[in-house]
C-alpha atoms as a PDB file:
ATOM      1  CA  MET A   1     -78.317  67.366-174.245  1.00  0.00           C
ATOM      2  CA  ALA A   2     -78.035  64.318-171.991  1.00  0.00           C
ATOM      3  CA  LYS A   3     -74.393  65.124-171.205  1.00  0.00           C
ATOM      4  CA  SER A   4     -75.327  68.688-170.269  1.00  0.00           C
ATOM      5  CA  LEU A   5     -78.086  67.472-167.939  1.00  0.00           C
ATOM      6  CA  PHE A   6     -75.756  64.933-166.283  1.00  0.00           C
ATOM      7  CA  ALA A   7     -73.115  67.610-165.700  1.00  0.00           C
ATOM      8  CA  SER A   8     -75.695  69.913-164.090  1.00  0.00           C
ATOM      9  CA  ILE A   9     -76.915  67.175-161.761  1.00  0.00           C
ATOM     10  CA  THR A  10     -73.357  66.241-160.822  1.00  0.00           C
ATOM     11  CA  GLY A  11     -72.489  69.872-160.056  1.00  0.00           C
ATOM     12  CA  LEU A  12     -75.616  70.263-157.926  1.00  0.00           C
ATOM     13  CA  MET A  13     -74.738  67.173-155.916  1.00  0.00           C
ATOM     14  CA  MET A  14     -71.236  68.484-155.306  1.00  0.00           C
ATOM     15  CA  VAL A  15     -72.637  71.801-154.042  1.00  0.00           C
ATOM     16  CA  LEU A  16     -74.947  69.928-151.663  1.00  0.00           C
ATOM     17  CA  VAL A  17     -72.044  67.841-150.336  1.00  0.00           C
ATOM     18  CA  LEU A  18     -70.020  70.984-149.704  1.00  0.00           C
ATOM     19  CA  MET A  19     -72.939  72.671-147.914  1.00  0.00           C
ATOM     20  CA  VAL A  20     -73.474  69.653-145.637  1.00  0.00           C
ATOM     21  CA  SER A  21     -69.773  69.480-144.739  1.00  0.00           C
ATOM     22  CA  CYS A  22     -69.799  73.149-143.718  1.00  0.00           C
ATOM     23  CA  VAL A  23     -72.629  72.752-141.195  1.00  0.00           C
ATOM     24  CA  PRO A  24     -71.080  73.581-137.756  1.00  0.00           C
ATOM     25  CA  GLY A  25     -70.813  70.623-135.381  1.00  0.00           C
ATOM     26  CA  ARG A  26     -72.004  70.425-131.805  1.00  0.00           C
ATOM     27  CA  GLU A  27     -69.803  72.532-129.578  1.00  0.00           C
ATOM     28  CA  ALA A  28     -68.122  70.938-126.590  1.00  0.00           C
ATOM     29  CA  PRO A  29     -69.471  72.134-123.261  1.00  0.00           C
ATOM     30  CA  ALA A  30     -67.447  74.929-121.736  1.00  0.00           C
ATOM     31  CA  GLN A  31     -65.477  74.140-118.542  1.00  0.00           C
ATOM     32  CA  THR A  32     -66.266  76.959-116.197  1.00  0.00           C
ATOM     33  CA  GLY A  33     -64.366  77.356-112.966  1.00  0.00           C
ATOM     34  CA  ALA A  34     -61.926  74.503-113.601  1.00  0.00           C
ATOM     35  CA  VAL A  35     -58.452  75.298-112.277  1.00  0.00           C
ATOM     36  CA  LEU A  36     -55.455  73.182-111.437  1.00  0.00           C
ATOM     37  CA  GLY A  37     -56.296  70.909-108.544  1.00  0.00           C
ATOM     38  CA  GLN A  38     -59.991  71.843-108.603  1.00  0.00           C
ATOM     39  CA  SER A  39     -62.954  69.803-109.822  1.00  0.00           C
ATOM     40  CA  ALA A  40     -64.791  71.188-112.859  1.00  0.00           C
ATOM     41  CA  ASP A  41     -68.044  70.210-111.166  1.00  0.00           C
ATOM     42  CA  THR A  42     -68.821  73.389-109.254  1.00  0.00           C
ATOM     43  CA  THR A  43     -71.670  71.729-107.397  1.00  0.00           C
ATOM     44  CA  ARG A  44     -69.218  69.585-105.387  1.00  0.00           C
ATOM     45  CA  PRO A  45     -67.015  70.995-102.598  1.00  0.00           C
ATOM     46  CA  LEU A  46     -63.291  71.171-103.149  1.00  0.00           C
ATOM     47  CA  THR A  47     -61.429  68.129-101.915  1.00  0.00           C
ATOM     48  CA  THR A  48     -58.726  68.470 -99.201  1.00  0.00           C
ATOM     49  CA  GLU A  49     -57.584  64.851 -99.259  1.00  0.00           C
ATOM     50  CA  SER A  50     -54.112  65.837-100.514  1.00  0.00           C
ATOM     51  CA  VAL A  51     -53.539  68.367 -97.690  1.00  0.00           C
ATOM     52  CA  THR A  52     -52.126  67.156 -94.355  1.00  0.00           C
ATOM     53  CA  VAL A  53     -52.582  69.446 -91.361  1.00  0.00           C
ATOM     54  CA  VAL A  54     -50.363  68.793 -88.332  1.00  0.00           C
ATOM     55  CA  SER A  55     -51.602  70.149 -85.033  1.00  0.00           C
ATOM     56  CA  LEU A  56     -48.824  70.503 -82.475  1.00  0.00           C
ATOM     57  CA  PRO A  57     -49.773  70.347 -78.809  1.00  0.00           C
ATOM     58  CA  ALA A  58     -49.144  73.505 -76.869  1.00  0.00           C
ATOM     59  CA  GLN A  59     -46.351  73.292 -74.299  1.00  0.00           C
ATOM     60  CA  THR A  60     -46.762  75.922 -71.655  1.00  0.00           C
ATOM     61  CA  ASP A  61     -44.756  74.284 -68.891  1.00  0.00           C
ATOM     62  CA  ALA A  62     -41.680  72.129 -68.712  1.00  0.00           C
ATOM     63  CA  VAL A  63     -42.312  68.595 -67.553  1.00  0.00           C
ATOM     64  CA  SER A  64     -39.939  66.187 -65.886  1.00  0.00           C
ATOM     65  CA  GLY A  65     -38.904  63.742 -68.532  1.00  0.00           C
ATOM     66  CA  PRO A  66     -36.041  63.166 -70.915  1.00  0.00           C
ATOM     67  CA  THR A  67     -38.198  63.617 -74.031  1.00  0.00           C
ATOM     68  CA  ASN A  68     -39.218  67.212 -73.303  1.00  0.00           C
ATOM     69  CA  ARG A  69     -35.880  68.938 -73.368  1.00  0.00           C
ATOM     70  CA  TYR A  70     -36.869  72.336 -74.710  1.00  0.00           C
ATOM     71  CA  PRO A  71     -39.463  74.393 -72.841  1.00  0.00           C
ATOM     72  CA  LEU A  72     -41.653  76.498 -75.112  1.00  0.00           C
ATOM     73  CA  GLN A  73     -41.210  79.669 -73.089  1.00  0.00           C
ATOM     74  CA  ALA A  74     -37.742  80.755 -72.037  1.00  0.00           C
ATOM     75  CA  MET A  75     -37.367  81.465 -68.322  1.00  0.00           C
ATOM     76  CA  PRO A  76     -34.746  83.467 -66.431  1.00  0.00           C
ATOM     77  CA  PRO A  77     -31.822  81.124 -65.773  1.00  0.00           C
ATOM     78  CA  VAL A  78     -31.232  79.762 -62.306  1.00  0.00           C
ATOM     79  CA  ILE A  79     -27.945  78.501 -60.905  1.00  0.00           C
ATOM     80  CA  ILE A  80     -27.452  75.177 -59.193  1.00  0.00           C
ATOM     81  CA  TYR A  81     -24.043  74.221 -57.863  1.00  0.00           C
ATOM     82  CA  LYS A  82     -21.989  72.088 -55.501  1.00  0.00           C
ATOM     83  CA  THR A  83     -19.158  73.307 -53.279  1.00  0.00           C
ATOM     84  CA  LYS A  84     -16.052  71.501 -52.113  1.00  0.00           C
ATOM     85  CA  SER A  85     -16.939  72.200 -48.475  1.00  0.00           C
ATOM     86  CA  ASP A  86     -20.006  73.414 -46.620  1.00  0.00           C
ATOM     87  CA  TYR A  87     -20.288  77.166 -47.263  1.00  0.00           C
ATOM     88  CA  ASN A  88     -24.076  77.370 -47.118  1.00  0.00           C
ATOM     89  CA  ARG A  89     -24.164  79.970 -44.359  1.00  0.00           C
ATOM     90  CA  TYR A  90     -21.405  82.184 -45.786  1.00  0.00           C
ATOM     91  CA  VAL A  91     -21.838  85.236 -47.993  1.00  0.00           C
ATOM     92  CA  PRO A  92     -20.532  84.854 -51.577  1.00  0.00           C
ATOM     93  CA  VAL A  93     -18.721  87.512 -53.594  1.00  0.00           C
ATOM     94  CA  SER A  94     -17.356  87.439 -57.147  1.00  0.00           C
ATOM     95  CA  LEU A  95     -13.729  87.846 -58.172  1.00  0.00           C
ATOM     96  CA  THR A  96     -12.122  88.528 -61.517  1.00  0.00           C
ATOM     97  CA  PRO A  97     -10.988  85.369 -63.371  1.00  0.00           C
ATOM     98  CA  ASP A  98      -7.447  85.795 -62.037  1.00  0.00           C
ATOM     99  CA  LYS A  99      -8.883  85.746 -58.469  1.00  0.00           C
ATOM    100  CA  LYS A 100      -6.998  88.919 -57.560  1.00  0.00           C
ATOM    101  CA  THR A 101      -9.662  91.612 -57.655  1.00  0.00           C
ATOM    102  CA  LEU A 102     -13.118  91.877 -56.125  1.00  0.00           C
ATOM    103  CA  LEU A 103     -15.601  92.162 -58.969  1.00  0.00           C
ATOM    104  CA  SER A 104     -18.897  92.377 -57.072  1.00  0.00           C
ATOM    105  CA  TYR A 105     -20.095  92.135 -53.489  1.00  0.00           C
ATOM    106  CA  PRO A 106     -23.354  92.841 -51.682  1.00  0.00           C
ATOM    107  CA  ALA A 107     -24.215  95.731 -49.425  1.00  0.00           C
ATOM    108  CA  VAL A 108     -25.251  94.648 -45.948  1.00  0.00           C
ATOM    109  CA  GLN A 109     -28.923  95.169 -46.857  1.00  0.00           C
ATOM    110  CA  ASP A 110     -28.635  93.079 -50.042  1.00  0.00           C
ATOM    111  CA  VAL A 111     -28.173  89.624 -48.523  1.00  0.00           C
ATOM    112  CA  TYR A 112     -31.903  88.862 -48.533  1.00  0.00           C
ATOM    113  CA  TYR A 113     -34.115  86.964 -50.948  1.00  0.00           C
ATOM    114  CA  GLN A 114     -37.883  87.373 -50.713  1.00  0.00           C
ATOM    115  CA  GLY A 115     -37.588  88.803 -47.232  1.00  0.00           C
ATOM    116  CA  ALA A 116     -35.306  86.085 -45.803  1.00  0.00           C
ATOM    117  CA  LEU A 117     -31.542  85.708 -45.668  1.00  0.00           C
ATOM    118  CA  ALA A 118     -30.431  84.525 -49.111  1.00  0.00           C
ATOM    119  CA  MET A 119     -28.835  81.247 -48.074  1.00  0.00           C
ATOM    120  CA  PRO A 120     -29.063  78.641 -50.851  1.00  0.00           C
ATOM    121  CA  THR A 121     -31.911  76.157 -51.119  1.00  0.00           C
ATOM    122  CA  GLN A 122     -30.714  72.606 -50.532  1.00  0.00           C
ATOM    123  CA  LEU A 123     -31.326  70.060 -53.299  1.00  0.00           C
ATOM    124  CA  LEU A 124     -30.413  66.387 -53.667  1.00  0.00           C
ATOM    125  CA  ASN A 125     -26.865  64.995 -53.555  1.00  0.00           C
ATOM    126  CA  GLY A 126     -25.271  68.138 -52.135  1.00  0.00           C
ATOM    127  CA  TYR A 127     -26.529  70.433 -54.894  1.00  0.00           C
ATOM    128  CA  LEU A 128     -27.696  73.926 -53.989  1.00  0.00           C
ATOM    129  CA  LEU A 129     -30.095  76.351 -55.661  1.00  0.00           C
ATOM    130  CA  ASP A 130     -28.579  79.825 -55.665  1.00  0.00           C
ATOM    131  CA  ASN A 131     -30.538  82.661 -54.046  1.00  0.00           C
ATOM    132  CA  ARG A 132     -27.815  85.315 -53.980  1.00  0.00           C
ATOM    133  CA  GLY A 133     -25.808  85.455 -57.227  1.00  0.00           C
ATOM    134  CA  ILE A 134     -23.278  82.653 -57.572  1.00  0.00           C
ATOM    135  CA  ASP A 135     -21.066  82.392 -60.656  1.00  0.00           C
ATOM    136  CA  THR A 136     -17.991  80.442 -61.695  1.00  0.00           C
ATOM    137  CA  ASN A 137     -15.695  82.997 -60.043  1.00  0.00           C
ATOM    138  CA  SER A 138     -17.550  83.183 -56.742  1.00  0.00           C
ATOM    139  CA  VAL A 139     -15.821  82.727 -53.407  1.00  0.00           C
ATOM    140  CA  PHE A 140     -17.161  82.860 -49.860  1.00  0.00           C
ATOM    141  CA  LEU A 141     -16.354  85.346 -47.164  1.00  0.00           C
ATOM    142  CA  ASN A 142     -15.656  84.573 -43.556  1.00  0.00           C
ATOM    143  CA  TYR A 143     -18.962  86.268 -42.789  1.00  0.00           C
ATOM    144  CA  THR A 144     -22.145  84.323 -42.218  1.00  0.00           C
ATOM    145  CA  TYR A 145     -25.361  85.807 -43.532  1.00  0.00           C
ATOM    146  CA  GLU A 146     -26.426  86.572 -39.972  1.00  0.00           C
ATOM    147  CA  THR A 147     -23.165  88.372 -39.151  1.00  0.00           C
ATOM    148  CA  TYR A 148     -22.960  90.279 -42.426  1.00  0.00           C
ATOM    149  CA  SER A 149     -26.566  91.506 -42.303  1.00  0.00           C
ATOM    150  CA  ALA A 150     -26.024  92.782 -38.751  1.00  0.00           C
ATOM    151  CA  LEU A 151     -23.128  95.063 -39.744  1.00  0.00           C
ATOM    152  CA  THR A 152     -23.832  98.771 -39.569  1.00  0.00           C
ATOM    153  CA  GLN A 153     -22.005  99.413 -42.850  1.00  0.00           C
ATOM    154  CA  THR A 154     -20.649  97.407 -45.764  1.00  0.00           C
ATOM    155  CA  PRO A 155     -16.957  96.523 -45.365  1.00  0.00           C
ATOM    156  CA  LEU A 156     -14.461  98.002 -47.814  1.00  0.00           C
ATOM    157  CA  PRO A 157     -13.276  95.785 -50.695  1.00  0.00           C
ATOM    158  CA  GLU A 158      -9.811  95.542 -49.151  1.00  0.00           C
ATOM    159  CA  GLU A 159     -11.313  94.162 -45.962  1.00  0.00           C
ATOM    160  CA  LEU A 160     -13.447  91.658 -47.845  1.00  0.00           C
ATOM    161  CA  LEU A 161     -10.440  90.351 -49.793  1.00  0.00           C
ATOM    162  CA  LYS A 162      -8.740  89.589 -46.501  1.00  0.00           C
ATOM    163  CA  ASN A 163     -11.718  87.470 -45.412  1.00  0.00           C
ATOM    164  CA  ILE A 164     -11.997  84.983 -48.281  1.00  0.00           C
ATOM    165  CA  LEU A 165     -12.319  81.419 -47.033  1.00  0.00           C
ATOM    166  CA  ALA A 166     -11.118  79.605 -50.177  1.00  0.00           C
ATOM    167  CA  ASP A 167      -9.900  80.650 -53.627  1.00  0.00           C
ATOM    168  CA  ASP A 168     -11.755  77.949 -55.583  1.00  0.00           C
ATOM    169  CA  PRO A 169     -14.727  76.652 -53.588  1.00  0.00           C
ATOM    170  CA  ILE A 170     -17.094  75.765 -56.481  1.00  0.00           C
ATOM    171  CA  GLU A 171     -16.959  72.106 -57.546  1.00  0.00           C
ATOM    172  CA  VAL A 172     -19.601  72.159 -60.283  1.00  0.00           C
ATOM    173  CA  LEU A 173     -22.062  74.785 -61.521  1.00  0.00           C
ATOM    174  CA  TYR A 174     -24.987  74.645 -63.962  1.00  0.00           C
ATOM    175  CA  SER A 175     -27.100  77.402 -65.477  1.00  0.00           C
ATOM    176  CA  CYS A 176     -30.635  76.005 -65.910  1.00  0.00           C
ATOM    177  CA  ASN A 177     -33.622  77.199 -67.932  1.00  0.00           C
ATOM    178  CA  CYS A 178     -36.461  75.547 -66.032  1.00  0.00           C
ATOM    179  CA  GLY A 179     -37.394  78.114 -63.407  1.00  0.00           C
ATOM    180  CA  ARG A 180     -37.141  77.546 -59.686  1.00  0.00           C
ATOM    181  CA  ASP A 181     -38.914  74.199 -59.870  1.00  0.00           C
ATOM    182  CA  THR A 182     -37.111  72.262 -57.140  1.00  0.00           C
ATOM    183  CA  ALA A 183     -38.967  69.045 -57.976  1.00  0.00           C
ATOM    184  CA  LEU A 184     -37.716  69.191 -61.563  1.00  0.00           C
ATOM    185  CA  LEU A 185     -34.214  70.183 -60.474  1.00  0.00           C
ATOM    186  CA  ASN A 186     -34.069  67.260 -58.054  1.00  0.00           C
ATOM    187  CA  GLU A 187     -35.305  64.891 -60.751  1.00  0.00           C
ATOM    188  CA  MET A 188     -32.502  65.987 -63.074  1.00  0.00           C
ATOM    189  CA  ILE A 189     -29.995  65.544 -60.257  1.00  0.00           C
ATOM    190  CA  ARG A 190     -31.394  62.111 -59.417  1.00  0.00           C
ATOM    191  CA  ARG A 191     -31.075  60.989 -63.053  1.00  0.00           C
ATOM    192  CA  ASN A 192     -27.748  62.782 -63.503  1.00  0.00           C
ATOM    193  CA  ASP A 193     -29.217  64.145 -66.713  1.00  0.00           C
ATOM    194  CA  PHE A 194     -29.195  67.951 -66.684  1.00  0.00           C
ATOM    195  CA  TYR A 195     -31.226  68.351 -69.854  1.00  0.00           C
ATOM    196  CA  TYR A 196     -32.461  71.888 -69.084  1.00  0.00           C
ATOM    197  CA  CYS A 197     -29.014  73.097 -68.043  1.00  0.00           C
ATOM    198  CA  VAL A 198     -25.672  74.217 -69.385  1.00  0.00           C
ATOM    199  CA  LYS A 199     -22.621  73.206 -67.418  1.00  0.00           C
ATOM    200  CA  MET A 200     -20.556  76.287 -66.606  1.00  0.00           C
ATOM    201  CA  LYS A 201     -17.964  74.608 -64.429  1.00  0.00           C
END
């Protein structure tokens, strides 16, 4: 009788232990809105401390200085050059590379630039800013701008070839991407640092 009662009590205690162990525990709070790199606390703003924003200054114009070598906006190239003698007043034409054939020449009404005769603009140290259309194969005719513009008709190519002053008059020639800014061109010439230009000859 006593053994039976002890066994019943023992069994009851075991059942109680099992029931207690099966009681669900306290659930962990859910993390809502937590993503990689974002705080789980949705009441605080997202941090941007790990993001670096670089603001580049706008460059709308070229400036005279060796550190600004690349203008933001490309400009039509201009030609600056030096000649072996003074041909400033003479009309240029272009020959083929072998210097035997006339490649291009102006009509008598085409030797003007902005309403004036297209003689070059003088720069420092004998350099000239082209106003007519100089290239590496240009030569000069034995016609001044005044004489050529006064002709009643454009001479034939054969006649022009007979009036070439020199076969190789260009000493040096640069193609520059800085507009017709004579102050900047003169500064490059003064420094002998043609950082907006490509040397063509």
